[in-house]
Amino acid sequence: MACKHENFEARVEVNRIEDIGRFTADITIHCAECKLPFEFVGVDECGLSYNHPTVNPSAQELRVPIKPKGCEILPGIKGPTGFKVQRAN
């Protein structure tokens, strides 16, 4: 019988990028029963950005910039702003 994917396990890893004062959260989800990983849909860019959500090359990890509530993100980031990965069709 095929798994109905009714129970889930998720992992969230929070990263602090000290050099530029930014934070990100990396999120993965899989079925708790059959262990099949879930893919994130609707996120077109693959890589890492400190300004908008991205996914890893398999689309199984969502990478999201985050900030403490009430804190402003300072414009003009010094240093790297992330990277892009081009997927082959």
C-alpha atoms as a PDB file:
ATOM      1  CA  MET A   1       0.000   0.000   0.000  1.00  0.00           C
ATOM      2  CA  ALA A   2       1.315   3.449  -0.936  1.00  0.00           C
ATOM      3  CA  CYS A   3       2.176   5.867   1.868  1.00  0.00           C
ATOM      4  CA  LYS A   4      -0.389   8.669   2.341  1.00  0.00           C
ATOM      5  CA  HIS A   5       2.218  11.021   3.889  1.00  0.00           C
ATOM      6  CA  GLU A   6       0.099  11.830   6.927  1.00  0.00           C
ATOM      7  CA  ASN A   7       2.908  12.429   9.469  1.00  0.00           C
ATOM      8  CA  PHE A   8       5.950  14.632   9.017  1.00  0.00           C
ATOM      9  CA  GLU A   9       9.335  15.372  10.506  1.00  0.00           C
ATOM     10  CA  ALA A  10      11.012  18.726   9.983  1.00  0.00           C
ATOM     11  CA  ARG A  11      14.460  20.113  10.691  1.00  0.00           C
ATOM     12  CA  VAL A  12      15.175  23.815  11.063  1.00  0.00           C
ATOM     13  CA  GLU A  13      18.759  25.016  11.316  1.00  0.00           C
ATOM     14  CA  VAL A  14      19.262  28.671  12.250  1.00  0.00           C
ATOM     15  CA  ASN A  15      22.498  30.286  11.079  1.00  0.00           C
ATOM     16  CA  ARG A  16      24.077  33.510  12.315  1.00  0.00           C
ATOM     17  CA  ILE A  17      26.311  35.202   9.741  1.00  0.00           C
ATOM     18  CA  GLU A  18      28.399  37.239  12.146  1.00  0.00           C
ATOM     19  CA  ASP A  19      30.475  39.139   9.585  1.00  0.00           C
ATOM     20  CA  ILE A  20      27.423  40.919   8.193  1.00  0.00           C
ATOM     21  CA  GLY A  21      24.951  40.677  11.083  1.00  0.00           C
ATOM     22  CA  ARG A  22      22.404  38.518   9.243  1.00  0.00           C
ATOM     23  CA  PHE A  23      20.515  35.309  10.055  1.00  0.00           C
ATOM     24  CA  THR A  24      19.099  32.494   7.922  1.00  0.00           C
ATOM     25  CA  ALA A  25      16.968  29.417   8.539  1.00  0.00           C
ATOM     26  CA  ASP A  26      17.414  26.205   6.548  1.00  0.00           C
ATOM     27  CA  ILE A  27      14.301  23.993   6.568  1.00  0.00           C
ATOM     28  CA  THR A  28      13.836  20.373   5.445  1.00  0.00           C
ATOM     29  CA  ILE A  29      10.731  18.164   5.719  1.00  0.00           C
ATOM     30  CA  HIS A  30      10.196  14.452   5.132  1.00  0.00           C
ATOM     31  CA  CYS A  31       7.456  11.902   5.670  1.00  0.00           C
ATOM     32  CA  ALA A  32       7.800  10.346   9.133  1.00  0.00           C
ATOM     33  CA  GLU A  33       6.506   6.998   7.866  1.00  0.00           C
ATOM     34  CA  CYS A  34       8.292   6.343   4.551  1.00  0.00           C
ATOM     35  CA  LYS A  35      11.080   8.975   4.939  1.00  0.00           C
ATOM     36  CA  LEU A  36      10.368  10.463   1.482  1.00  0.00           C
ATOM     37  CA  PRO A  37      11.748  14.022   1.369  1.00  0.00           C
ATOM     38  CA  PHE A  38       9.459  16.881   0.405  1.00  0.00           C
ATOM     39  CA  GLU A  39      10.416  19.516  -2.181  1.00  0.00           C
ATOM     40  CA  PHE A  40       9.699  23.234  -1.794  1.00  0.00           C
ATOM     41  CA  VAL A  41       7.711  24.678  -4.710  1.00  0.00           C
ATOM     42  CA  GLY A  42       7.342  28.248  -5.910  1.00  0.00           C
ATOM     43  CA  VAL A  43      10.895  29.293  -5.024  1.00  0.00           C
ATOM     44  CA  ASP A  44      12.594  29.937  -8.346  1.00  0.00           C
ATOM     45  CA  GLU A  45      16.122  30.778  -7.241  1.00  0.00           C
ATOM     46  CA  CYS A  46      18.623  28.125  -6.251  1.00  0.00           C
ATOM     47  CA  GLY A  47      21.524  29.095  -3.988  1.00  0.00           C
ATOM     48  CA  LEU A  48      21.662  31.360  -0.932  1.00  0.00           C
ATOM     49  CA  SER A  49      20.508  34.954  -0.489  1.00  0.00           C
ATOM     50  CA  TYR A  50      20.420  37.167   2.576  1.00  0.00           C
ATOM     51  CA  ASN A  51      17.530  39.109   0.973  1.00  0.00           C
ATOM     52  CA  HIS A  52      14.973  36.510  -0.252  1.00  0.00           C
ATOM     53  CA  PRO A  53      14.148  32.773   0.036  1.00  0.00           C
ATOM     54  CA  THR A  54      16.040  30.250  -2.082  1.00  0.00           C
ATOM     55  CA  VAL A  55      16.326  26.458  -2.291  1.00  0.00           C
ATOM     56  CA  ASN A  56      19.233  24.056  -2.584  1.00  0.00           C
ATOM     57  CA  PRO A  57      19.796  22.312  -5.964  1.00  0.00           C
ATOM     58  CA  SER A  58      17.401  19.450  -5.134  1.00  0.00           C
ATOM     59  CA  ALA A  59      14.683  21.896  -3.870  1.00  0.00           C
ATOM     60  CA  GLN A  60      14.518  19.791  -0.685  1.00  0.00           C
ATOM     61  CA  GLU A  61      15.947  22.544   1.554  1.00  0.00           C
ATOM     62  CA  LEU A  62      14.370  25.970   1.877  1.00  0.00           C
ATOM     63  CA  ARG A  63      16.861  28.715   2.775  1.00  0.00           C
ATOM     64  CA  VAL A  64      15.161  31.771   4.253  1.00  0.00           C
ATOM     65  CA  PRO A  65      16.631  35.035   5.534  1.00  0.00           C
ATOM     66  CA  ILE A  66      15.262  35.886   8.984  1.00  0.00           C
ATOM     67  CA  LYS A  67      15.631  38.705  11.519  1.00  0.00           C
ATOM     68  CA  PRO A  68      14.722  39.337  15.145  1.00  0.00           C
ATOM     69  CA  LYS A  69      11.266  40.933  15.479  1.00  0.00           C
ATOM     70  CA  GLY A  70      11.445  44.716  15.548  1.00  0.00           C
ATOM     71  CA  CYS A  71      15.027  44.867  14.269  1.00  0.00           C
ATOM     72  CA  GLU A  72      15.779  46.651  11.032  1.00  0.00           C
ATOM     73  CA  ILE A  73      17.888  45.051   8.340  1.00  0.00           C
ATOM     74  CA  LEU A  74      20.564  47.564   7.559  1.00  0.00           C
ATOM     75  CA  PRO A  75      20.886  48.456   3.862  1.00  0.00           C
ATOM     76  CA  GLY A  76      24.211  48.206   2.113  1.00  0.00           C
ATOM     77  CA  ILE A  77      25.438  44.814   3.269  1.00  0.00           C
ATOM     78  CA  LYS A  78      29.194  44.708   3.590  1.00  0.00           C
ATOM     79  CA  GLY A  79      30.648  41.512   2.244  1.00  0.00           C
ATOM     80  CA  PRO A  80      28.911  38.708   0.322  1.00  0.00           C
ATOM     81  CA  THR A  81      25.167  38.802  -0.284  1.00  0.00           C
ATOM     82  CA  GLY A  82      24.872  35.090  -1.113  1.00  0.00           C
ATOM     83  CA  PHE A  83      25.299  33.018  -4.258  1.00  0.00           C
ATOM     84  CA  LYS A  84      23.257  31.544  -7.117  1.00  0.00           C
ATOM     85  CA  VAL A  85      23.403  28.056  -8.563  1.00  0.00           C
ATOM     86  CA  GLN A  86      22.205  27.475 -12.103  1.00  0.00           C
ATOM     87  CA  ARG A  87      20.343  24.206 -12.524  1.00  0.00           C
ATOM     88  CA  ALA A  88      20.834  22.200 -15.703  1.00  0.00           C
ATOM     89  CA  ASN A  89      17.627  21.175 -17.474  1.00  0.00           C
END
